[in-house]
C-alpha atoms as a PDB file:
ATOM      1  CA  MET A   1      10.956  -7.375  14.210  1.00  0.00           C
ATOM      2  CA  THR A   2       8.683  -7.853  11.224  1.00  0.00           C
ATOM      3  CA  VAL A   3       7.543  -4.804   9.273  1.00  0.00           C
ATOM      4  CA  VAL A   4       4.905  -4.311   6.619  1.00  0.00           C
ATOM      5  CA  LEU A   5       5.700  -1.185   4.611  1.00  0.00           C
ATOM      6  CA  LYS A   6       3.440   0.420   2.064  1.00  0.00           C
ATOM      7  CA  LEU A   7       4.929   2.839  -0.425  1.00  0.00           C
ATOM      8  CA  GLY A   8       2.151   5.073  -1.684  1.00  0.00           C
ATOM      9  CA  GLY A   9       1.676   5.206  -5.415  1.00  0.00           C
ATOM     10  CA  SER A  10       1.914   8.989  -5.280  1.00  0.00           C
ATOM     11  CA  VAL A  11       5.319   8.648  -3.622  1.00  0.00           C
ATOM     12  CA  ILE A  12       6.983   6.493  -6.266  1.00  0.00           C
ATOM     13  CA  THR A  13       5.242   7.742  -9.426  1.00  0.00           C
ATOM     14  CA  GLU A  14       4.438  11.025 -11.073  1.00  0.00           C
ATOM     15  CA  LYS A  15       0.766  10.570 -10.343  1.00  0.00           C
ATOM     16  CA  ASP A  16      -0.494  13.146 -12.840  1.00  0.00           C
ATOM     17  CA  GLU A  17       1.611  11.630 -15.671  1.00  0.00           C
ATOM     18  CA  PRO A  18       0.325   8.234 -16.855  1.00  0.00           C
ATOM     19  CA  GLU A  19       2.726   5.354 -16.207  1.00  0.00           C
ATOM     20  CA  THR A  20       5.635   7.497 -15.089  1.00  0.00           C
ATOM     21  CA  VAL A  21       7.945   6.370 -12.289  1.00  0.00           C
ATOM     22  CA  ASP A  22       9.416   9.059 -10.040  1.00  0.00           C
ATOM     23  CA  ARG A  23      12.924   7.635 -10.218  1.00  0.00           C
ATOM     24  CA  THR A  24      14.386  10.006  -7.632  1.00  0.00           C
ATOM     25  CA  ALA A  25      11.710   9.231  -5.057  1.00  0.00           C
ATOM     26  CA  LEU A  26      11.832   5.492  -5.722  1.00  0.00           C
ATOM     27  CA  SER A  27      15.615   5.497  -5.390  1.00  0.00           C
ATOM     28  CA  ALA A  28      15.414   7.304  -2.060  1.00  0.00           C
ATOM     29  CA  ALA A  29      12.852   4.844  -0.718  1.00  0.00           C
ATOM     30  CA  VAL A  30      14.848   1.855  -1.916  1.00  0.00           C
ATOM     31  CA  SER A  31      18.029   3.224  -0.329  1.00  0.00           C
ATOM     32  CA  ALA A  32      16.232   3.644   3.002  1.00  0.00           C
ATOM     33  CA  ILE A  33      15.042   0.034   2.882  1.00  0.00           C
ATOM     34  CA  ALA A  34      18.424  -1.314   1.812  1.00  0.00           C
ATOM     35  CA  ASP A  35      20.244   0.634   4.539  1.00  0.00           C
ATOM     36  CA  SER A  36      17.834  -0.265   7.346  1.00  0.00           C
ATOM     37  CA  ALA A  37      18.342  -2.845  10.071  1.00  0.00           C
ATOM     38  CA  VAL A  38      15.034  -4.505   9.182  1.00  0.00           C
ATOM     39  CA  GLY A  39      16.911  -6.751   6.763  1.00  0.00           C
ATOM     40  CA  GLU A  40      14.794  -9.526   5.292  1.00  0.00           C
ATOM     41  CA  ASP A  41      11.963  -9.200   7.831  1.00  0.00           C
ATOM     42  CA  ILE A  42       9.956  -6.835   5.703  1.00  0.00           C
ATOM     43  CA  VAL A  43       7.039  -7.094   3.328  1.00  0.00           C
ATOM     44  CA  VAL A  44       6.698  -4.256   0.834  1.00  0.00           C
ATOM     45  CA  VAL A  45       3.383  -3.179  -0.680  1.00  0.00           C
ATOM     46  CA  HIS A  46       3.114  -0.370  -3.196  1.00  0.00           C
ATOM     47  CA  GLY A  47       0.182   1.571  -4.567  1.00  0.00           C
ATOM     48  CA  GLY A  48      -0.816   2.211  -8.141  1.00  0.00           C
ATOM     49  CA  GLY A  49      -0.052   5.884  -8.633  1.00  0.00           C
ATOM     50  CA  SER A  50      -0.059   6.898 -12.276  1.00  0.00           C
ATOM     51  CA  PHE A  51      -0.049   3.265 -13.386  1.00  0.00           C
ATOM     52  CA  GLY A  52      -3.086   1.427 -12.009  1.00  0.00           C
ATOM     53  CA  HIS A  53      -5.210   4.413 -10.974  1.00  0.00           C
ATOM     54  CA  HIS A  54      -5.015   6.009 -14.414  1.00  0.00           C
ATOM     55  CA  HIS A  55      -6.396   2.933 -16.175  1.00  0.00           C
ATOM     56  CA  ALA A  56      -8.880   2.100 -13.421  1.00  0.00           C
ATOM     57  CA  ALA A  57     -10.381   5.579 -13.696  1.00  0.00           C
ATOM     58  CA  GLU A  58     -10.572   5.248 -17.479  1.00  0.00           C
ATOM     59  CA  TYR A  59     -12.566   2.029 -17.207  1.00  0.00           C
ATOM     60  CA  GLY A  60     -14.640   3.103 -14.190  1.00  0.00           C
ATOM     61  CA  VAL A  61     -13.255   0.449 -11.860  1.00  0.00           C
ATOM     62  CA  SER A  62     -12.822   0.933  -8.108  1.00  0.00           C
ATOM     63  CA  THR A  63     -12.868  -1.173  -4.961  1.00  0.00           C
ATOM     64  CA  THR A  64     -16.664  -1.343  -5.274  1.00  0.00           C
ATOM     65  CA  GLU A  65     -17.365  -0.864  -9.006  1.00  0.00           C
ATOM     66  CA  GLY A  66     -16.255  -3.751 -11.189  1.00  0.00           C
ATOM     67  CA  THR A  67     -15.771  -4.495 -14.876  1.00  0.00           C
ATOM     68  CA  HIS A  68     -16.205  -7.453 -17.213  1.00  0.00           C
ATOM     69  CA  ASP A  69     -14.228  -5.655 -19.948  1.00  0.00           C
ATOM     70  CA  VAL A  70     -11.216  -7.849 -20.653  1.00  0.00           C
ATOM     71  CA  ASP A  71      -9.352  -4.903 -22.192  1.00  0.00           C
ATOM     72  CA  GLY A  72      -9.797  -2.957 -18.974  1.00  0.00           C
ATOM     73  CA  VAL A  73      -8.681  -5.877 -16.828  1.00  0.00           C
ATOM     74  CA  GLN A  74      -5.564  -6.367 -18.933  1.00  0.00           C
ATOM     75  CA  ALA A  75      -4.773  -2.643 -18.958  1.00  0.00           C
ATOM     76  CA  ILE A  76      -5.053  -2.220 -15.190  1.00  0.00           C
ATOM     77  CA  HIS A  77      -3.295  -5.418 -14.182  1.00  0.00           C
ATOM     78  CA  GLY A  78      -0.631  -4.999 -16.862  1.00  0.00           C
ATOM     79  CA  ALA A  79       0.166  -1.480 -15.691  1.00  0.00           C
ATOM     80  CA  MET A  80       0.508  -2.639 -12.092  1.00  0.00           C
ATOM     81  CA  CYS A  81       2.810  -5.462 -13.111  1.00  0.00           C
ATOM     82  CA  ARG A  82       5.015  -2.967 -14.946  1.00  0.00           C
ATOM     83  CA  LEU A  83       5.237  -0.730 -11.868  1.00  0.00           C
ATOM     84  CA  ASN A  84       5.884  -3.742  -9.654  1.00  0.00           C
ATOM     85  CA  ALA A  85       8.727  -4.809 -11.934  1.00  0.00           C
ATOM     86  CA  ALA A  86      10.274  -1.340 -11.608  1.00  0.00           C
ATOM     87  CA  VAL A  87      10.087  -1.501  -7.805  1.00  0.00           C
ATOM     88  CA  VAL A  88      11.429  -5.054  -7.592  1.00  0.00           C
ATOM     89  CA  ASP A  89      14.264  -4.231  -9.993  1.00  0.00           C
ATOM     90  CA  ALA A  90      15.253  -1.147  -7.990  1.00  0.00           C
ATOM     91  CA  LEU A  91      15.269  -3.111  -4.726  1.00  0.00           C
ATOM     92  CA  SER A  92      17.246  -5.949  -6.295  1.00  0.00           C
ATOM     93  CA  GLU A  93      19.848  -3.555  -7.650  1.00  0.00           C
ATOM     94  CA  ALA A  94      20.272  -2.214  -4.102  1.00  0.00           C
ATOM     95  CA  GLY A  95      20.926  -5.701  -2.764  1.00  0.00           C
ATOM     96  CA  VAL A  96      17.452  -6.366  -1.313  1.00  0.00           C
ATOM     97  CA  PRO A  97      16.247  -9.953  -2.052  1.00  0.00           C
ATOM     98  CA  ALA A  98      12.955  -8.706  -3.489  1.00  0.00           C
ATOM     99  CA  VAL A  99      10.503 -10.952  -5.328  1.00  0.00           C
ATOM    100  CA  PRO A 100       7.152 -10.063  -6.941  1.00  0.00           C
ATOM    101  CA  VAL A 101       3.806 -11.319  -5.675  1.00  0.00           C
ATOM    102  CA  HIS A 102       0.777 -10.476  -7.840  1.00  0.00           C
ATOM    103  CA  PRO A 103      -2.525 -10.456  -5.875  1.00  0.00           C
ATOM    104  CA  PHE A 104      -4.723 -10.855  -8.976  1.00  0.00           C
ATOM    105  CA  SER A 105      -3.521 -14.438  -9.261  1.00  0.00           C
ATOM    106  CA  ALA A 106      -4.882 -15.411  -5.845  1.00  0.00           C
ATOM    107  CA  GLY A 107      -7.453 -13.033  -4.370  1.00  0.00           C
ATOM    108  CA  VAL A 108     -11.246 -13.080  -4.686  1.00  0.00           C
ATOM    109  CA  ARG A 109     -14.214 -11.122  -3.393  1.00  0.00           C
ATOM    110  CA  ASP A 110     -17.516 -12.871  -2.827  1.00  0.00           C
ATOM    111  CA  ALA A 111     -20.863 -11.434  -3.883  1.00  0.00           C
ATOM    112  CA  ASP A 112     -20.990  -9.391  -0.656  1.00  0.00           C
ATOM    113  CA  GLY A 113     -17.610  -7.844  -1.416  1.00  0.00           C
ATOM    114  CA  ASP A 114     -15.763  -9.704   1.334  1.00  0.00           C
ATOM    115  CA  LEU A 115     -12.136 -10.361   0.426  1.00  0.00           C
ATOM    116  CA  SER A 116     -10.347 -13.697   0.582  1.00  0.00           C
ATOM    117  CA  LEU A 117      -6.600 -13.518   0.009  1.00  0.00           C
ATOM    118  CA  PRO A 118      -4.292 -16.498   0.593  1.00  0.00           C
ATOM    119  CA  THR A 119      -1.100 -15.381   2.338  1.00  0.00           C
ATOM    120  CA  ALA A 120       0.866 -18.620   2.725  1.00  0.00           C
ATOM    121  CA  GLN A 121       3.063 -17.737  -0.246  1.00  0.00           C
ATOM    122  CA  VAL A 122       4.001 -14.442   1.422  1.00  0.00           C
ATOM    123  CA  THR A 123       4.742 -15.949   4.835  1.00  0.00           C
ATOM    124  CA  THR A 124       6.770 -18.748   3.250  1.00  0.00           C
ATOM    125  CA  LEU A 125       8.800 -16.381   1.089  1.00  0.00           C
ATOM    126  CA  LEU A 126       9.481 -14.226   4.149  1.00  0.00           C
ATOM    127  CA  SER A 127      10.627 -17.215   6.195  1.00  0.00           C
ATOM    128  CA  GLU A 128      12.895 -18.295   3.327  1.00  0.00           C
ATOM    129  CA  GLY A 129      14.769 -15.005   3.336  1.00  0.00           C
ATOM    130  CA  PHE A 130      13.002 -13.152   0.549  1.00  0.00           C
ATOM    131  CA  VAL A 131      11.347  -9.739   0.599  1.00  0.00           C
ATOM    132  CA  PRO A 132       7.884 -10.156  -0.953  1.00  0.00           C
ATOM    133  CA  VAL A 133       6.763  -7.115  -2.935  1.00  0.00           C
ATOM    134  CA  LEU A 134       3.016  -6.882  -3.486  1.00  0.00           C
ATOM    135  CA  HIS A 135       0.986  -4.167  -5.127  1.00  0.00           C
ATOM    136  CA  GLY A 136      -2.463  -2.742  -5.538  1.00  0.00           C
ATOM    137  CA  ASP A 137      -4.155  -4.790  -8.226  1.00  0.00           C
ATOM    138  CA  LEU A 138      -7.429  -6.174  -9.471  1.00  0.00           C
ATOM    139  CA  VAL A 139      -9.211  -9.057  -7.807  1.00  0.00           C
ATOM    140  CA  ALA A 140     -11.867 -11.462  -9.106  1.00  0.00           C
ATOM    141  CA  HIS A 141     -15.247 -10.368  -7.747  1.00  0.00           C
ATOM    142  CA  ALA A 142     -18.298 -12.623  -7.829  1.00  0.00           C
ATOM    143  CA  GLY A 143     -21.066 -10.883  -9.740  1.00  0.00           C
ATOM    144  CA  ALA A 144     -18.944  -7.854 -10.614  1.00  0.00           C
ATOM    145  CA  GLY A 145     -16.174  -9.235 -12.801  1.00  0.00           C
ATOM    146  CA  ALA A 146     -13.052  -7.635 -11.344  1.00  0.00           C
ATOM    147  CA  THR A 147     -12.641  -4.817  -8.844  1.00  0.00           C
ATOM    148  CA  VAL A 148      -9.671  -2.923  -7.449  1.00  0.00           C
ATOM    149  CA  LEU A 149      -7.759  -4.422  -4.544  1.00  0.00           C
ATOM    150  CA  SER A 150      -6.081  -1.475  -2.878  1.00  0.00           C
ATOM    151  CA  GLY A 151      -2.664  -1.473  -1.280  1.00  0.00           C
ATOM    152  CA  ASP A 152      -4.298  -0.472   1.995  1.00  0.00           C
ATOM    153  CA  GLU A 153      -6.472  -3.582   1.899  1.00  0.00           C
ATOM    154  CA  LEU A 154      -3.366  -5.661   1.283  1.00  0.00           C
ATOM    155  CA  VAL A 155      -1.672  -4.139   4.318  1.00  0.00           C
ATOM    156  CA  VAL A 156      -4.639  -5.078   6.504  1.00  0.00           C
ATOM    157  CA  GLU A 157      -4.576  -8.662   5.197  1.00  0.00           C
ATOM    158  CA  LEU A 158      -0.803  -9.085   5.428  1.00  0.00           C
ATOM    159  CA  ALA A 159       0.006  -7.511   8.782  1.00  0.00           C
ATOM    160  CA  PRO A 160      -1.696 -10.175  10.912  1.00  0.00           C
ATOM    161  CA  ALA A 161      -0.640 -12.956   8.528  1.00  0.00           C
ATOM    162  CA  VAL A 162       3.058 -12.192   9.023  1.00  0.00           C
ATOM    163  CA  ASP A 163       2.577 -11.198  12.679  1.00  0.00           C
ATOM    164  CA  ALA A 164       3.858  -7.705  11.933  1.00  0.00           C
ATOM    165  CA  ASP A 165       5.225  -5.685  14.826  1.00  0.00           C
ATOM    166  CA  ARG A 166       4.887  -2.408  12.949  1.00  0.00           C
ATOM    167  CA  VAL A 167       3.110  -1.144   9.875  1.00  0.00           C
ATOM    168  CA  GLY A 168       4.263   1.884   7.909  1.00  0.00           C
ATOM    169  CA  VAL A 169       2.397   3.835   5.247  1.00  0.00           C
ATOM    170  CA  CYS A 170       4.711   6.189   3.386  1.00  0.00           C
ATOM    171  CA  SER A 171       2.548   8.890   1.825  1.00  0.00           C
ATOM    172  CA  THR A 172       3.126  12.247   0.132  1.00  0.00           C
ATOM    173  CA  VAL A 173       2.099  14.082   3.306  1.00  0.00           C
ATOM    174  CA  PRO A 174       3.942  14.049   6.669  1.00  0.00           C
ATOM    175  CA  GLY A 175       1.003  12.357   8.385  1.00  0.00           C
ATOM    176  CA  VAL A 176      -2.750  12.624   8.689  1.00  0.00           C
ATOM    177  CA  LEU A 177      -3.606  16.319   8.688  1.00  0.00           C
ATOM    178  CA  ASP A 178      -6.376  18.088  10.599  1.00  0.00           C
ATOM    179  CA  GLU A 179      -8.468  20.982   9.263  1.00  0.00           C
ATOM    180  CA  ALA A 180      -5.630  23.406   9.997  1.00  0.00           C
ATOM    181  CA  GLY A 181      -3.088  21.341   8.077  1.00  0.00           C
ATOM    182  CA  THR A 182      -1.342  20.171  11.246  1.00  0.00           C
ATOM    183  CA  VAL A 183      -0.207  16.570  11.639  1.00  0.00           C
ATOM    184  CA  VAL A 184      -2.419  14.603  14.025  1.00  0.00           C
ATOM    185  CA  ASN A 185      -0.112  12.759  16.406  1.00  0.00           C
ATOM    186  CA  ARG A 186      -2.399   9.816  17.157  1.00  0.00           C
ATOM    187  CA  ILE A 187      -5.722   8.497  15.906  1.00  0.00           C
ATOM    188  CA  ALA A 188      -7.701   6.013  17.973  1.00  0.00           C
ATOM    189  CA  ALA A 189     -11.101   6.387  16.277  1.00  0.00           C
ATOM    190  CA  PHE A 190     -12.153   7.451  12.782  1.00  0.00           C
ATOM    191  CA  GLU A 191     -14.794   9.831  14.087  1.00  0.00           C
ATOM    192  CA  ALA A 192     -12.099  12.000  15.656  1.00  0.00           C
ATOM    193  CA  VAL A 193     -10.681  12.972  12.252  1.00  0.00           C
ATOM    194  CA  GLU A 194     -13.555  12.239   9.870  1.00  0.00           C
ATOM    195  CA  SER A 195     -14.339  15.893   9.149  1.00  0.00           C
ATOM    196  CA  ALA A 196     -10.750  16.593   8.109  1.00  0.00           C
ATOM    197  CA  LEU A 197     -10.323  13.689   5.710  1.00  0.00           C
ATOM    198  CA  GLY A 198     -11.049  13.776   2.001  1.00  0.00           C
ATOM    199  CA  GLY A 199      -9.847  12.177  -1.196  1.00  0.00           C
ATOM    200  CA  SER A 200      -6.410  12.573  -2.732  1.00  0.00           C
ATOM    201  CA  ASP A 201      -5.526  15.489  -5.027  1.00  0.00           C
ATOM    202  CA  ALA A 202      -4.961  13.258  -8.058  1.00  0.00           C
ATOM    203  CA  THR A 203      -6.948  10.344  -9.426  1.00  0.00           C
ATOM    204  CA  ASP A 204      -7.436   7.733  -6.706  1.00  0.00           C
ATOM    205  CA  VAL A 205      -9.896   4.849  -6.907  1.00  0.00           C
ATOM    206  CA  SER A 206      -9.036   3.322  -3.533  1.00  0.00           C
ATOM    207  CA  GLY A 207     -10.452   5.755  -0.980  1.00  0.00           C
ATOM    208  CA  GLY A 208      -7.785   8.416  -0.363  1.00  0.00           C
ATOM    209  CA  MET A 209      -6.626   9.197   3.177  1.00  0.00           C
ATOM    210  CA  ALA A 210     -10.028   8.409   4.670  1.00  0.00           C
ATOM    211  CA  GLY A 211      -9.782   4.894   3.286  1.00  0.00           C
ATOM    212  CA  LYS A 212      -6.275   4.509   4.683  1.00  0.00           C
ATOM    213  CA  VAL A 213      -7.295   5.531   8.190  1.00  0.00           C
ATOM    214  CA  ARG A 214     -10.357   3.271   8.210  1.00  0.00           C
ATOM    215  CA  ALA A 215      -8.261   0.312   7.044  1.00  0.00           C
ATOM    216  CA  LEU A 216      -5.385   0.877   9.454  1.00  0.00           C
ATOM    217  CA  LEU A 217      -7.683   1.216  12.468  1.00  0.00           C
ATOM    218  CA  ALA A 218      -8.635  -2.426  11.889  1.00  0.00           C
ATOM    219  CA  LEU A 219      -5.102  -3.609  12.678  1.00  0.00           C
ATOM    220  CA  SER A 220      -3.877  -4.907  16.012  1.00  0.00           C
ATOM    221  CA  ALA A 221      -0.329  -3.715  15.273  1.00  0.00           C
ATOM    222  CA  PRO A 222       0.456   0.007  15.461  1.00  0.00           C
ATOM    223  CA  ALA A 223       0.488   1.725  12.068  1.00  0.00           C
ATOM    224  CA  LEU A 224       2.200   4.962  11.177  1.00  0.00           C
ATOM    225  CA  VAL A 225       1.490   7.354   8.316  1.00  0.00           C
ATOM    226  CA  PHE A 226       4.426   9.573   7.376  1.00  0.00           C
ATOM    227  CA  GLY A 227       6.125  11.344   4.495  1.00  0.00           C
ATOM    228  CA  PRO A 228       9.027  10.079   2.379  1.00  0.00           C
ATOM    229  CA  ASP A 229      11.640  12.002   4.358  1.00  0.00           C
ATOM    230  CA  ALA A 230      10.631  10.091   7.500  1.00  0.00           C
ATOM    231  CA  LEU A 231      11.013   6.614   6.011  1.00  0.00           C
ATOM    232  CA  PRO A 232      14.529   6.076   7.440  1.00  0.00           C
ATOM    233  CA  ALA A 233      13.272   7.101  10.898  1.00  0.00           C
ATOM    234  CA  PHE A 234      10.369   4.659  10.699  1.00  0.00           C
ATOM    235  CA  LEU A 235      12.650   1.822   9.628  1.00  0.00           C
ATOM    236  CA  ALA A 236      14.944   2.687  12.536  1.00  0.00           C
ATOM    237  CA  GLY A 237      12.088   2.121  14.981  1.00  0.00           C
ATOM    238  CA  GLU A 238      11.033   5.712  15.529  1.00  0.00           C
ATOM    239  CA  ASN A 239       7.427   6.964  15.381  1.00  0.00           C
ATOM    240  CA  PRO A 240       7.228   9.760  12.811  1.00  0.00           C
ATOM    241  CA  GLY A 241       4.011  11.223  11.463  1.00  0.00           C
ATOM    242  CA  THR A 242       0.673   9.957  12.697  1.00  0.00           C
ATOM    243  CA  THR A 243       0.259   6.838  14.785  1.00  0.00           C
ATOM    244  CA  ILE A 244      -2.969   4.935  14.063  1.00  0.00           C
ATOM    245  CA  ALA A 245      -3.282   2.422  16.806  1.00  0.00           C
ATOM    246  CA  GLY A 246      -6.658   2.425  18.521  1.00  0.00           C
ATOM    247  CA  ASP A 247      -6.019   0.898  21.916  1.00  0.00           C
ATOM    248  CA  VAL A 248      -2.631  -0.526  20.932  1.00  0.00           C
ATOM    249  CA  ASP A 249       0.255   0.587  23.123  1.00  0.00           C
ATOM    250  CA  LEU A 250       3.571   1.432  21.484  1.00  0.00           C
END
């Protein structure tokens, strides 16, 4: 079974404190991955949290608004590389054969904003026994300089490329919540939950929960959104949190 797992930036960083890793949360997530039966058949993607989002907000960069400011590009990409190094190091120390993959080196958006992201390096690394670790990043954007490439976009690109059986999005909430704060068990269409979805509580330049749901509905594999405590259950094959699957049967 092949799994694509996204660790939300708010899960592994102190999102209100610039460039601060939440070491306890990261350690717990890493332990769950290292102890799971998924083994080497996993691709990890992590968000920006207090690293990338902080700098992207400072320079006014998002998935749609770009920059030609080289200082901004270096600040955002550099911060994400530092967070990626922390995640890869933690996984490696736990015995996971993790290796970094930086999307800024390969991805591009055309003038219409359509993304092109080569994935052969990821599929090859996976087949060779490595655990590729990608991250939200910048991407070259024709006519706009550089824009944000969100972790959710990466998940959508990677899941079909690696023929993922399951996709997991580990967030700070136990699932997608309705207006009453109750976890929605299953989402098959965005319109069903649109009124309940908003942005994240802290700085987020990649679309918040609404963006996640829209992106995950595009997948053919079932995707689950769940909280950190449910990560071991997800990796064990259970279905915690909210299942976003459209017409996909589990």
